[in-house]
């Protein structure tokens, strides 16, 4: 009997990589449901044909027994293409790339550096409208704060590059 969404993921919470790549698993499961075959969720066999990833590899990935990052770059690209998302998003959703990989905060100043950037953002006439108010900001998880600060820092870097190009 071919595995379907309902039969493929028994006992997955005990597998070593399940929690780390749960966001990717959720996207794949949503894809299987959103692309039915015969009125039921797409089978792993059909998904395998679209992604060129073997059914056992897909099952291991979805159960958390195997890391998505263990797939070849080519298979990650086919998975991303099938899901309609960028390759980088597959790596982020699988937990292979974390916020800390793209943003380094100096030593023990992590939280302080985030707060400093938030204050600069609030005072920046070209960006203050994107900053949440102080009450909202305090309720945000650190990961969301880091992401917004990273966006702000990238925007600032882009602005500096444009100014430098004008001066040259």
Protein backbone atom coordinates (compact mmCIF):
# COMPACT_ATOMS: atom_id res chain seq x y z
CA UNK A 1 0.00 0.00 0.00
CA UNK A 2 1.36 3.40 -0.98
CA UNK A 3 1.94 5.84 1.87
CA UNK A 4 -0.36 8.83 2.01
CA UNK A 5 -0.28 11.88 4.22
CA UNK A 6 -2.46 10.12 6.77
CA UNK A 7 -0.27 6.99 7.07
CA UNK A 8 3.25 8.34 6.63
CA UNK A 9 3.90 10.23 9.83
CA UNK A 10 3.21 8.04 12.83
CA UNK A 11 5.39 8.80 15.87
CA UNK A 12 7.34 11.58 14.17
CA UNK A 13 7.81 13.75 17.28
CA UNK A 14 10.38 11.25 18.58
CA UNK A 15 12.58 11.54 15.48
CA UNK A 16 15.76 13.62 15.86
CA UNK A 17 15.15 16.26 13.17
CA UNK A 18 11.37 16.60 13.33
CA UNK A 19 11.13 19.73 15.49
CA UNK A 20 13.98 21.50 13.68
CA UNK A 21 12.47 21.08 10.23
CA UNK A 22 8.79 21.17 11.25
CA UNK A 23 8.21 24.41 9.27
CA UNK A 24 9.38 22.67 6.07
CA UNK A 25 7.35 19.57 6.90
CA UNK A 26 4.27 21.79 7.32
CA UNK A 27 4.84 23.39 3.89
CA UNK A 28 5.22 20.00 2.23
CA UNK A 29 2.13 18.62 3.98
CA UNK A 30 0.14 21.69 2.90
CA UNK A 31 1.32 21.14 -0.68
CA UNK A 32 0.24 17.48 -0.58
CA UNK A 33 -3.22 18.50 0.65
CA UNK A 34 -3.55 21.44 -1.76
CA UNK A 35 -2.68 19.25 -4.76
CA UNK A 36 -5.03 16.29 -4.37
CA UNK A 37 -5.05 13.21 -6.51
CA UNK A 38 -8.42 11.52 -6.81
CA UNK A 39 -9.97 13.64 -4.05
CA UNK A 40 -7.33 12.68 -1.47
CA UNK A 41 -4.03 14.25 -0.50
CA UNK A 42 -1.28 13.63 -3.00
CA UNK A 43 0.58 10.38 -2.34
CA UNK A 44 4.27 10.36 -1.51
CA UNK A 45 4.81 8.43 -4.75
CA UNK A 46 3.28 11.23 -6.82
CA UNK A 47 5.24 13.83 -4.86
CA UNK A 48 8.37 11.76 -5.44
CA UNK A 49 7.83 11.86 -9.20
CA UNK A 50 7.51 15.66 -9.12
CA UNK A 51 10.58 16.23 -6.95
CA UNK A 52 12.77 13.32 -8.15
CA UNK A 53 13.35 12.43 -4.50
CA UNK A 54 12.74 8.77 -3.68
CA UNK A 55 9.70 7.88 -1.56
CA UNK A 56 11.89 6.51 1.28
CA UNK A 57 13.87 9.80 1.32
CA UNK A 58 10.65 11.83 1.38
CA UNK A 59 9.24 9.67 4.16
CA UNK A 60 12.45 10.07 6.18
CA UNK A 61 12.43 13.81 5.60
CA UNK A 62 8.77 14.22 6.61
CA UNK A 63 9.09 12.03 9.68
CA UNK A 64 12.22 13.82 10.86
CA UNK A 65 14.45 10.77 10.61
CA UNK A 66 16.64 12.54 8.02
CA UNK A 67 17.73 16.14 7.58
CA UNK A 68 16.61 18.01 4.48
CA UNK A 69 20.16 19.32 4.22
CA UNK A 70 21.34 15.75 3.53
CA UNK A 71 19.67 15.96 0.11
CA UNK A 72 21.81 17.01 -2.85
CA UNK A 73 21.67 20.60 -4.04
CA UNK A 74 19.89 19.40 -7.20
CA UNK A 75 17.18 17.66 -5.16
CA UNK A 76 16.75 20.72 -2.91
CA UNK A 77 16.32 22.84 -6.07
CA UNK A 78 13.67 20.43 -7.44
CA UNK A 79 11.91 20.40 -4.07
CA UNK A 80 11.89 24.21 -3.98
CA UNK A 81 10.65 24.40 -7.58
CA UNK A 82 7.84 21.92 -6.86
CA UNK A 83 6.78 23.82 -3.72
CA UNK A 84 7.05 27.15 -5.55
CA UNK A 85 9.48 28.66 -3.05
CA UNK A 86 13.11 29.84 -3.27
CA UNK A 87 15.90 27.37 -2.48
CA UNK A 88 17.02 29.57 0.40
CA UNK A 89 13.56 29.27 1.94
CA UNK A 90 13.86 25.46 1.89
CA UNK A 91 17.13 25.74 3.83
CA UNK A 92 15.60 28.24 6.28
CA UNK A 93 12.42 26.21 6.81
CA UNK A 94 14.47 23.06 7.37
CA UNK A 95 16.48 24.76 10.11
CA UNK A 96 19.72 24.41 8.16
CA UNK A 97 20.09 28.20 7.95
CA UNK A 98 19.25 30.18 11.09
CA UNK A 99 18.91 33.91 11.75
CA UNK A 100 22.30 33.83 13.45
CA UNK A 101 23.89 32.65 10.19
CA UNK A 102 22.95 35.91 8.48
CA UNK A 103 23.26 38.29 11.38
CA UNK A 104 26.03 38.50 13.92
CA UNK A 105 25.66 40.47 17.07
CA UNK A 106 28.76 41.34 19.05
CA UNK A 107 29.27 39.09 22.07
CA UNK A 108 27.05 39.80 25.05
CA UNK A 109 25.60 42.88 23.33
CA UNK A 110 23.08 40.83 21.34
CA UNK A 111 19.89 42.13 22.96
CA UNK A 112 21.40 45.58 23.43
CA UNK A 113 22.46 45.76 19.76
CA UNK A 114 18.93 44.82 18.68
CA UNK A 115 17.47 47.53 20.91
CA UNK A 116 19.99 50.08 19.55
CA UNK A 117 18.94 49.25 15.99
CA UNK A 118 15.27 49.49 16.95
CA UNK A 119 15.85 52.99 18.38
CA UNK A 120 17.68 54.05 15.20
CA UNK A 121 14.87 52.61 13.11
CA UNK A 122 12.26 54.56 15.08
CA UNK A 123 14.20 57.78 14.52
CA UNK A 124 14.87 57.17 10.83
CA UNK A 125 12.46 59.27 8.71
CA UNK A 126 12.61 56.78 5.85
CA UNK A 127 11.94 53.71 8.01
CA UNK A 128 10.10 54.70 11.20
CA UNK A 129 6.71 53.79 9.70
CA UNK A 130 7.86 50.16 9.49
CA UNK A 131 8.82 49.98 13.17
CA UNK A 132 6.23 48.62 15.60
CA UNK A 133 5.31 50.74 18.60
CA UNK A 134 7.17 50.08 21.87
CA UNK A 135 4.42 47.91 23.37
CA UNK A 136 4.25 45.72 20.27
CA UNK A 137 8.04 45.56 20.07
CA UNK A 138 8.32 44.25 23.63
CA UNK A 139 5.81 41.49 22.83
CA UNK A 140 7.72 40.25 19.77
CA UNK A 141 9.90 37.13 20.04
CA UNK A 142 13.63 37.70 19.66
CA UNK A 143 13.67 35.94 16.28
CA UNK A 144 11.15 38.44 14.84
CA UNK A 145 13.10 41.37 16.29
CA UNK A 146 16.30 40.05 14.73
CA UNK A 147 14.61 39.68 11.34
CA UNK A 148 13.27 43.25 11.33
CA UNK A 149 16.63 44.62 12.47
CA UNK A 150 18.33 42.65 9.68
CA UNK A 151 15.94 44.14 7.11
CA UNK A 152 16.68 47.60 8.48
CA UNK A 153 20.43 47.03 8.42
CA UNK A 154 20.25 45.78 4.82
CA UNK A 155 18.22 48.87 3.84
CA UNK A 156 20.81 51.10 5.51
CA UNK A 157 23.65 49.32 3.70
CA UNK A 158 21.81 49.71 0.39
CA UNK A 159 21.33 53.43 1.10
CA UNK A 160 25.05 53.82 1.87
CA UNK A 161 26.00 52.05 -1.37
CA UNK A 162 23.80 54.46 -3.36
CA UNK A 163 25.34 57.48 -1.63
CA UNK A 164 28.82 56.14 -2.29
CA UNK A 165 27.95 55.59 -5.98
CA UNK A 166 26.70 59.19 -6.26
CA UNK A 167 29.90 60.49 -4.69
CA UNK A 168 32.12 58.50 -7.06
